[in-house]
Amino acid sequence: MRCPCGCGRTIELLVIPEATPRWDFSVDNKGRPSLSPSVWLQKGCHSHFWLRNGRVEWCD
């Protein structure tokens, strides 16, 4: 996915059960994706956000 801050960075998240760290990915009945836990980029733009029901929720 592309970073939602607009910096253009491609974010790759591991969703396979064997991976560490790993994110859980789900899609609701309207086709909206969610990720858990939050995504926190330690380098570059330092974005920290949740993806819930297809919406980006920024962390303070």
PDB file of N, CA and C in Angstrom:
ATOM      1  N   MET A   1       0.839  -1.172   0.000  1.00  0.00           N
ATOM      2  CA  MET A   1       0.000   0.000   0.000  1.00  0.00           C
ATOM      3  C   MET A   1       0.888   1.240   0.000  1.00  0.00           C
ATOM      4  N   ARG A   2       0.356   2.358  -0.415  1.00  0.00           N
ATOM      5  CA  ARG A   2       1.072   3.636  -0.362  1.00  0.00           C
ATOM      6  C   ARG A   2       0.799   4.315   0.972  1.00  0.00           C
ATOM      7  N   CYS A   3       1.805   4.988   1.488  1.00  0.00           N
ATOM      8  CA  CYS A   3       1.646   5.708   2.744  1.00  0.00           C
ATOM      9  C   CYS A   3       0.539   6.753   2.577  1.00  0.00           C
ATOM     10  N   PRO A   4      -0.420   6.791   3.500  1.00  0.00           N
ATOM     11  CA  PRO A   4      -1.526   7.735   3.362  1.00  0.00           C
ATOM     12  C   PRO A   4      -1.146   9.196   3.622  1.00  0.00           C
ATOM     13  N   CYS A   5       0.082   9.464   4.077  1.00  0.00           N
ATOM     14  CA  CYS A   5       0.475  10.854   4.330  1.00  0.00           C
ATOM     15  C   CYS A   5       0.768  11.596   3.030  1.00  0.00           C
ATOM     16  N   GLY A   6       0.958  10.841   1.932  1.00  0.00           N
ATOM     17  CA  GLY A   6       1.237  11.464   0.653  1.00  0.00           C
ATOM     18  C   GLY A   6       2.713  11.501   0.287  1.00  0.00           C
ATOM     19  N   CYS A   7       3.566  10.922   1.126  1.00  0.00           N
ATOM     20  CA  CYS A   7       5.011  10.942   0.851  1.00  0.00           C
ATOM     21  C   CYS A   7       5.396  10.058  -0.329  1.00  0.00           C
ATOM     22  N   GLY A   8       4.514   9.138  -0.722  1.00  0.00           N
ATOM     23  CA  GLY A   8       4.773   8.276  -1.867  1.00  0.00           C
ATOM     24  C   GLY A   8       5.435   6.957  -1.521  1.00  0.00           C
ATOM     25  N   ARG A   9       5.767   6.749  -0.262  1.00  0.00           N
ATOM     26  CA  ARG A   9       6.439   5.518   0.158  1.00  0.00           C
ATOM     27  C   ARG A   9       5.505   4.316   0.014  1.00  0.00           C
ATOM     28  N   THR A  10       6.058   3.207  -0.459  1.00  0.00           N
ATOM     29  CA  THR A  10       5.326   1.954  -0.504  1.00  0.00           C
ATOM     30  C   THR A  10       5.520   1.242   0.827  1.00  0.00           C
ATOM     31  N   ILE A  11       4.435   0.842   1.454  1.00  0.00           N
ATOM     32  CA  ILE A  11       4.482   0.134   2.724  1.00  0.00           C
ATOM     33  C   ILE A  11       4.147  -1.330   2.470  1.00  0.00           C
ATOM     34  N   GLU A  12       5.035  -2.206   2.885  1.00  0.00           N
ATOM     35  CA  GLU A  12       4.799  -3.644   2.773  1.00  0.00           C
ATOM     36  C   GLU A  12       4.597  -4.201   4.169  1.00  0.00           C
ATOM     37  N   LEU A  13       3.449  -4.850   4.385  1.00  0.00           N
ATOM     38  CA  LEU A  13       3.119  -5.424   5.687  1.00  0.00           C
ATOM     39  C   LEU A  13       2.950  -6.926   5.544  1.00  0.00           C
ATOM     40  N   LEU A  14       3.517  -7.671   6.476  1.00  0.00           N
ATOM     41  CA  LEU A  14       3.406  -9.124   6.455  1.00  0.00           C
ATOM     42  C   LEU A  14       2.096  -9.548   7.105  1.00  0.00           C
ATOM     43  N   VAL A  15       1.319 -10.358   6.390  1.00  0.00           N
ATOM     44  CA  VAL A  15       0.028 -10.809   6.899  1.00  0.00           C
ATOM     45  C   VAL A  15      -0.050 -12.334   7.003  1.00  0.00           C
ATOM     46  N   ILE A  16       1.038 -13.028   6.695  1.00  0.00           N
ATOM     47  CA  ILE A  16       1.019 -14.485   6.801  1.00  0.00           C
ATOM     48  C   ILE A  16       1.224 -14.893   8.265  1.00  0.00           C
ATOM     49  N   PRO A  17       0.586 -15.968   8.699  1.00  0.00           N
ATOM     50  CA  PRO A  17       0.645 -16.365  10.108  1.00  0.00           C
ATOM     51  C   PRO A  17       2.057 -16.613  10.645  1.00  0.00           C
ATOM     52  N   GLU A  18       2.985 -17.035   9.814  1.00  0.00           N
ATOM     53  CA  GLU A  18       4.328 -17.376  10.259  1.00  0.00           C
ATOM     54  C   GLU A  18       5.228 -16.154  10.467  1.00  0.00           C
ATOM     55  N   ALA A  19       4.807 -15.001  10.012  1.00  0.00           N
ATOM     56  CA  ALA A  19       5.653 -13.804  10.019  1.00  0.00           C
ATOM     57  C   ALA A  19       5.686 -13.127  11.392  1.00  0.00           C
ATOM     58  N   THR A  20       6.814 -12.484  11.653  1.00  0.00           N
ATOM     59  CA  THR A  20       6.972 -11.657  12.853  1.00  0.00           C
ATOM     60  C   THR A  20       7.752 -10.424  12.461  1.00  0.00           C
ATOM     61  N   PRO A  21       7.292  -9.217  12.603  1.00  0.00           N
ATOM     62  CA  PRO A  21       5.937  -8.897  13.065  1.00  0.00           C
ATOM     63  C   PRO A  21       4.911  -9.230  11.994  1.00  0.00           C
ATOM     64  N   ARG A  22       3.662  -9.268  12.405  1.00  0.00           N
ATOM     65  CA  ARG A  22       2.580  -9.644  11.498  1.00  0.00           C
ATOM     66  C   ARG A  22       1.367  -8.764  11.768  1.00  0.00           C
ATOM     67  N   TRP A  23       0.632  -8.456  10.719  1.00  0.00           N
ATOM     68  CA  TRP A  23      -0.606  -7.685  10.815  1.00  0.00           C
ATOM     69  C   TRP A  23      -1.772  -8.589  10.457  1.00  0.00           C
ATOM     70  N   ASP A  24      -2.876  -8.403  11.140  1.00  0.00           N
ATOM     71  CA  ASP A  24      -4.116  -9.085  10.787  1.00  0.00           C
ATOM     72  C   ASP A  24      -4.876  -8.197   9.824  1.00  0.00           C
ATOM     73  N   PHE A  25      -5.385  -8.805   8.770  1.00  0.00           N
ATOM     74  CA  PHE A  25      -6.085  -8.093   7.712  1.00  0.00           C
ATOM     75  C   PHE A  25      -7.491  -8.656   7.627  1.00  0.00           C
ATOM     76  N   SER A  26      -8.480  -7.781   7.591  1.00  0.00           N
ATOM     77  CA  SER A  26      -9.858  -8.229   7.429  1.00  0.00           C
ATOM     78  C   SER A  26     -10.590  -7.263   6.502  1.00  0.00           C
ATOM     79  N   VAL A  27     -11.687  -7.738   5.968  1.00  0.00           N
ATOM     80  CA  VAL A  27     -12.540  -6.930   5.089  1.00  0.00           C
ATOM     81  C   VAL A  27     -13.967  -7.080   5.596  1.00  0.00           C
ATOM     82  N   ASP A  28     -14.657  -5.955   5.794  1.00  0.00           N
ATOM     83  CA  ASP A  28     -16.033  -6.031   6.287  1.00  0.00           C
ATOM     84  C   ASP A  28     -16.993  -6.374   5.147  1.00  0.00           C
ATOM     85  N   ASN A  29     -18.274  -6.486   5.475  1.00  0.00           N
ATOM     86  CA  ASN A  29     -19.264  -6.897   4.467  1.00  0.00           C
ATOM     87  C   ASN A  29     -19.476  -5.864   3.362  1.00  0.00           C
ATOM     88  N   LYS A  30     -18.928  -4.658   3.536  1.00  0.00           N
ATOM     89  CA  LYS A  30     -18.991  -3.637   2.481  1.00  0.00           C
ATOM     90  C   LYS A  30     -17.698  -3.576   1.684  1.00  0.00           C
ATOM     91  N   GLY A  31     -16.764  -4.479   1.963  1.00  0.00           N
ATOM     92  CA  GLY A  31     -15.503  -4.532   1.226  1.00  0.00           C
ATOM     93  C   GLY A  31     -14.441  -3.573   1.735  1.00  0.00           C
ATOM     94  N   ARG A  32     -14.620  -3.027   2.942  1.00  0.00           N
ATOM     95  CA  ARG A  32     -13.664  -2.061   3.495  1.00  0.00           C
ATOM     96  C   ARG A  32     -12.610  -2.788   4.323  1.00  0.00           C
ATOM     97  N   PRO A  33     -11.322  -2.519   4.039  1.00  0.00           N
ATOM     98  CA  PRO A  33     -10.245  -3.226   4.739  1.00  0.00           C
ATOM     99  C   PRO A  33      -9.939  -2.629   6.113  1.00  0.00           C
ATOM    100  N   SER A  34      -9.445  -3.493   7.011  1.00  0.00           N
ATOM    101  CA  SER A  34      -8.936  -3.081   8.316  1.00  0.00           C
ATOM    102  C   SER A  34      -7.641  -3.830   8.581  1.00  0.00           C
ATOM    103  N   LEU A  35      -6.729  -3.186   9.319  1.00  0.00           N
ATOM    104  CA  LEU A  35      -5.466  -3.790   9.725  1.00  0.00           C
ATOM    105  C   LEU A  35      -5.310  -3.666  11.232  1.00  0.00           C
ATOM    106  N   SER A  36      -4.662  -4.654  11.807  1.00  0.00           N
ATOM    107  CA  SER A  36      -4.331  -4.591  13.224  1.00  0.00           C
ATOM    108  C   SER A  36      -2.989  -5.292  13.405  1.00  0.00           C
ATOM    109  N   PRO A  37      -2.067  -4.746  14.154  1.00  0.00           N
ATOM    110  CA  PRO A  37      -2.110  -3.506  14.910  1.00  0.00           C
ATOM    111  C   PRO A  37      -1.930  -2.287  13.999  1.00  0.00           C
ATOM    112  N   SER A  38      -1.679  -1.132  14.611  1.00  0.00           N
ATOM    113  CA  SER A  38      -1.455   0.093  13.842  1.00  0.00           C
ATOM    114  C   SER A  38      -0.175  -0.027  13.019  1.00  0.00           C
ATOM    115  N   VAL A  39      -0.038   0.860  12.063  1.00  0.00           N
ATOM    116  CA  VAL A  39       1.174   0.937  11.235  1.00  0.00           C
ATOM    117  C   VAL A  39       1.955   2.158  11.712  1.00  0.00           C
ATOM    118  N   TRP A  40       3.217   1.945  12.076  1.00  0.00           N
ATOM    119  CA  TRP A  40       4.063   3.021  12.577  1.00  0.00           C
ATOM    120  C   TRP A  40       5.388   2.954  11.853  1.00  0.00           C
ATOM    121  N   LEU A  41       5.628   3.914  10.979  1.00  0.00           N
ATOM    122  CA  LEU A  41       6.864   3.956  10.205  1.00  0.00           C
ATOM    123  C   LEU A  41       7.961   4.603  11.044  1.00  0.00           C
ATOM    124  N   GLN A  42       9.027   3.879  11.270  1.00  0.00           N
ATOM    125  CA  GLN A  42      10.111   4.348  12.126  1.00  0.00           C
ATOM    126  C   GLN A  42      11.103   5.235  11.373  1.00  0.00           C
ATOM    127  N   LYS A  43      11.082   5.182  10.040  1.00  0.00           N
ATOM    128  CA  LYS A  43      11.987   5.991   9.216  1.00  0.00           C
ATOM    129  C   LYS A  43      11.174   6.781   8.205  1.00  0.00           C
ATOM    130  N   GLY A  44      11.788   7.786   7.645  1.00  0.00           N
ATOM    131  CA  GLY A  44      11.103   8.590   6.627  1.00  0.00           C
ATOM    132  C   GLY A  44      10.092   9.532   7.245  1.00  0.00           C
ATOM    133  N   CYS A  45       8.839   9.418   6.842  1.00  0.00           N
ATOM    134  CA  CYS A  45       7.801  10.358   7.261  1.00  0.00           C
ATOM    135  C   CYS A  45       7.317  10.129   8.693  1.00  0.00           C
ATOM    136  N   HIS A  46       7.615   8.982   9.278  1.00  0.00           N
ATOM    137  CA  HIS A  46       7.228   8.631  10.655  1.00  0.00           C
ATOM    138  C   HIS A  46       5.717   8.575  10.868  1.00  0.00           C
ATOM    139  N   SER A  47       4.965   8.251   9.834  1.00  0.00           N
ATOM    140  CA  SER A  47       3.513   8.141   9.966  1.00  0.00           C
ATOM    141  C   SER A  47       3.137   7.059  10.964  1.00  0.00           C
ATOM    142  N   HIS A  48       2.057   7.276  11.694  1.00  0.00           N
ATOM    143  CA  HIS A  48       1.514   6.304  12.635  1.00  0.00           C
ATOM    144  C   HIS A  48      -0.001   6.365  12.505  1.00  0.00           C
ATOM    145  N   PHE A  49      -0.592   5.248  12.072  1.00  0.00           N
ATOM    146  CA  PHE A  49      -2.025   5.247  11.794  1.00  0.00           C
ATOM    147  C   PHE A  49      -2.632   3.861  11.929  1.00  0.00           C
ATOM    148  N   TRP A  50      -3.947   3.833  12.076  1.00  0.00           N
ATOM    149  CA  TRP A  50      -4.754   2.621  12.006  1.00  0.00           C
ATOM    150  C   TRP A  50      -5.488   2.641  10.676  1.00  0.00           C
ATOM    151  N   LEU A  51      -5.747   1.493  10.113  1.00  0.00           N
ATOM    152  CA  LEU A  51      -6.636   1.368   8.965  1.00  0.00           C
ATOM    153  C   LEU A  51      -7.843   0.589   9.473  1.00  0.00           C
ATOM    154  N   ARG A  52      -8.973   1.286   9.606  1.00  0.00           N
ATOM    155  CA  ARG A  52     -10.188   0.677  10.142  1.00  0.00           C
ATOM    156  C   ARG A  52     -11.356   0.959   9.219  1.00  0.00           C
ATOM    157  N   ASN A  53     -11.977  -0.121   8.773  1.00  0.00           N
ATOM    158  CA  ASN A  53     -13.156  -0.018   7.891  1.00  0.00           C
ATOM    159  C   ASN A  53     -12.901   0.902   6.705  1.00  0.00           C
ATOM    160  N   GLY A  54     -11.708   0.761   6.113  1.00  0.00           N
ATOM    161  CA  GLY A  54     -11.370   1.506   4.911  1.00  0.00           C
ATOM    162  C   GLY A  54     -10.958   2.947   5.140  1.00  0.00           C
ATOM    163  N   ARG A  55     -10.844   3.359   6.391  1.00  0.00           N
ATOM    164  CA  ARG A  55     -10.486   4.742   6.720  1.00  0.00           C
ATOM    165  C   ARG A  55      -9.180   4.770   7.489  1.00  0.00           C
ATOM    166  N   VAL A  56      -8.374   5.781   7.219  1.00  0.00           N
ATOM    167  CA  VAL A  56      -7.134   5.991   7.953  1.00  0.00           C
ATOM    168  C   VAL A  56      -7.461   6.811   9.195  1.00  0.00           C
ATOM    169  N   GLU A  57      -7.042   6.319  10.354  1.00  0.00           N
ATOM    170  CA  GLU A  57      -7.211   7.033  11.613  1.00  0.00           C
ATOM    171  C   GLU A  57      -5.810   7.312  12.143  1.00  0.00           C
ATOM    172  N   TRP A  58      -5.421   8.584  12.157  1.00  0.00           N
ATOM    173  CA  TRP A  58      -4.084   8.978  12.571  1.00  0.00           C
ATOM    174  C   TRP A  58      -3.920   8.902  14.082  1.00  0.00           C
ATOM    175  N   CYS A  59      -2.778   8.430  14.521  1.00  0.00           N
ATOM    176  CA  CYS A  59      -2.427   8.404  15.942  1.00  0.00           C
ATOM    177  C   CYS A  59      -1.710   9.692  16.280  1.00  0.00           C
ATOM    178  N   ASP A  60      -1.878  10.157  17.479  1.00  0.00           N
ATOM    179  CA  ASP A  60      -1.219  11.390  17.909  1.00  0.00           C
ATOM    180  C   ASP A  60       0.235  11.140  18.237  1.00  0.00           C
TER     181      ASP A  60
END
